[in-house]
Amino acid sequence: MRLEDCVECGLCVSACPITGTDPAYLGPAVLGAAARVVAEPRGQDVRSVLTWVDDHDGCWRCHLSFACSEVCPTGADPAAGIMALRGALTREHLRWRSDGHRGADRPVDQERTAAR
């Protein structure tokens, strides 16, 4: 996964079957950029990035067609970045549950539920 090779051409967005049907979906370019921040924080707040992409219209909306990675002219592989985000979020969710919060929503989940 070499997300730093992204030249922001937008081909991944055009190839993604979800971005064409769901305007709320963040899309592979944005999620790839988020994955890069999580992988290499460089002083940025990783938790806020993970909270932002942990949504139905975030990394969980990707249907894993990998079309975004197939069309990338630089081999940036945004699909791998999306999978990395899902992995990081899954680890966070499991850690939350293992810390004794079984059956309880994480604070961010409570905020989202209240906002809907």
Protein backbone atom coordinates (compact mmCIF):
# COMPACT_ATOMS: atom_id res chain seq x y z
CA MET A 1 0.00 0.00 0.00
CA ARG A 2 1.63 3.22 -1.15
CA LEU A 3 -0.98 5.87 -0.49
CA GLU A 4 1.70 8.54 -0.61
CA ASP A 5 1.90 7.91 -4.38
CA CYS A 6 -1.63 9.27 -4.91
CA VAL A 7 -1.66 12.13 -7.42
CA GLU A 8 -5.32 12.99 -6.72
CA CYS A 9 -6.39 12.27 -10.29
CA GLY A 10 -9.85 11.07 -9.23
CA LEU A 11 -9.85 7.89 -11.29
CA CYS A 12 -10.56 5.86 -8.16
CA VAL A 13 -13.65 7.94 -7.48
CA SER A 14 -14.86 7.49 -11.06
CA ALA A 15 -14.31 3.73 -10.95
CA CYS A 16 -16.00 3.20 -7.59
CA PRO A 17 -19.47 1.71 -7.98
CA ILE A 18 -20.63 3.29 -4.72
CA THR A 19 -19.69 6.92 -5.37
CA GLY A 20 -21.94 6.94 -8.43
CA THR A 21 -24.97 5.81 -6.47
CA ASP A 22 -24.44 7.30 -3.01
CA PRO A 23 -23.38 10.95 -2.87
CA ALA A 24 -22.94 10.73 0.91
CA TYR A 25 -20.20 8.09 0.61
CA LEU A 26 -16.79 9.56 1.40
CA GLY A 27 -15.19 7.67 -1.48
CA PRO A 28 -11.87 5.94 -2.06
CA ALA A 29 -9.75 9.07 -2.45
CA VAL A 30 -10.87 10.55 0.87
CA LEU A 31 -10.69 7.23 2.67
CA GLY A 32 -7.26 6.56 1.21
CA ALA A 33 -6.08 9.91 2.53
CA ALA A 34 -7.57 9.09 5.93
CA ALA A 35 -5.77 5.76 5.92
CA ARG A 36 -2.51 7.54 5.25
CA VAL A 37 -3.06 9.82 8.26
CA VAL A 38 -3.78 6.79 10.44
CA ALA A 39 -0.70 4.96 9.15
CA GLU A 40 1.57 8.01 9.45
CA PRO A 41 -0.03 10.47 11.89
CA ARG A 42 2.75 13.09 11.84
CA GLY A 43 1.16 14.87 14.78
CA GLN A 44 -2.43 14.57 13.60
CA ASP A 45 -5.22 13.27 15.80
CA VAL A 46 -5.73 9.68 14.64
CA ARG A 47 -8.74 9.14 16.89
CA SER A 48 -10.69 11.96 15.25
CA VAL A 49 -9.90 10.57 11.80
CA LEU A 50 -11.06 7.11 12.85
CA THR A 51 -14.22 8.56 14.36
CA TRP A 52 -14.93 10.43 11.14
CA VAL A 53 -14.58 7.38 8.86
CA ASP A 54 -16.37 5.01 11.27
CA ASP A 55 -19.75 5.57 9.72
CA HIS A 56 -22.16 3.96 7.29
CA ASP A 57 -21.02 6.45 4.65
CA GLY A 58 -17.39 6.01 5.62
CA CYS A 59 -15.18 2.96 5.30
CA TRP A 60 -18.02 0.55 6.07
CA ARG A 61 -19.88 1.57 2.89
CA CYS A 62 -17.16 0.20 0.60
CA HIS A 63 -18.31 -2.98 -1.15
CA LEU A 64 -14.79 -4.22 -1.82
CA SER A 65 -14.97 -4.23 -5.60
CA PHE A 66 -11.34 -3.00 -5.65
CA ALA A 67 -12.10 -1.08 -8.85
CA CYS A 68 -10.46 1.97 -7.29
CA SER A 69 -7.15 0.18 -6.92
CA GLU A 70 -7.33 -1.41 -10.35
CA VAL A 71 -7.55 1.94 -12.15
CA CYS A 72 -4.97 3.79 -10.07
CA PRO A 73 -2.16 4.87 -12.41
CA THR A 74 0.37 5.08 -9.57
CA GLY A 75 -0.57 1.91 -7.69
CA ALA A 76 -1.63 3.84 -4.59
CA ASP A 77 -4.17 1.10 -3.70
CA PRO A 78 -6.94 2.99 -1.91
CA ALA A 79 -8.83 -0.28 -1.35
CA ALA A 80 -6.00 -1.52 0.85
CA GLY A 81 -6.20 1.76 2.75
CA ILE A 82 -9.91 1.26 3.31
CA MET A 83 -9.25 -2.25 4.59
CA ALA A 84 -6.57 -0.87 6.91
CA LEU A 85 -9.10 1.61 8.30
CA ARG A 86 -11.58 -1.18 8.89
CA GLY A 87 -8.90 -3.17 10.68
CA ALA A 88 -7.96 -0.24 12.91
CA LEU A 89 -11.61 0.40 13.73
CA THR A 90 -12.28 -3.26 14.46
CA ARG A 91 -9.34 -3.33 16.86
CA GLU A 92 -10.66 -0.16 18.52
CA HIS A 93 -14.14 -1.64 18.87
CA LEU A 94 -12.76 -4.87 20.34
CA ARG A 95 -10.58 -2.93 22.77
CA TRP A 96 -13.62 -0.92 23.88
CA ARG A 97 -15.57 -4.11 24.56
CA SER A 98 -12.66 -5.81 26.32
CA ASP A 99 -12.26 -2.82 28.64
CA GLY A 100 -15.52 -3.79 30.32
CA HIS A 101 -17.96 -1.86 28.18
CA ARG A 102 -19.88 -4.90 26.99
CA GLY A 103 -23.34 -4.01 25.83
CA ALA A 104 -22.60 -0.30 26.06
CA ASP A 105 -22.21 1.99 23.12
CA ARG A 106 -18.98 3.87 22.74
CA PRO A 107 -19.41 7.61 23.39
CA VAL A 108 -19.11 8.32 19.66
CA ASP A 109 -21.90 5.82 18.95
CA GLN A 110 -24.14 7.55 21.48
CA GLU A 111 -23.46 10.92 19.83
CA ARG A 112 -24.31 9.56 16.38
CA THR A 113 -27.52 7.95 17.61
CA ALA A 114 -28.62 11.21 19.23
CA ALA A 115 -27.86 13.17 16.06
CA ARG A 116 -30.04 10.94 13.86
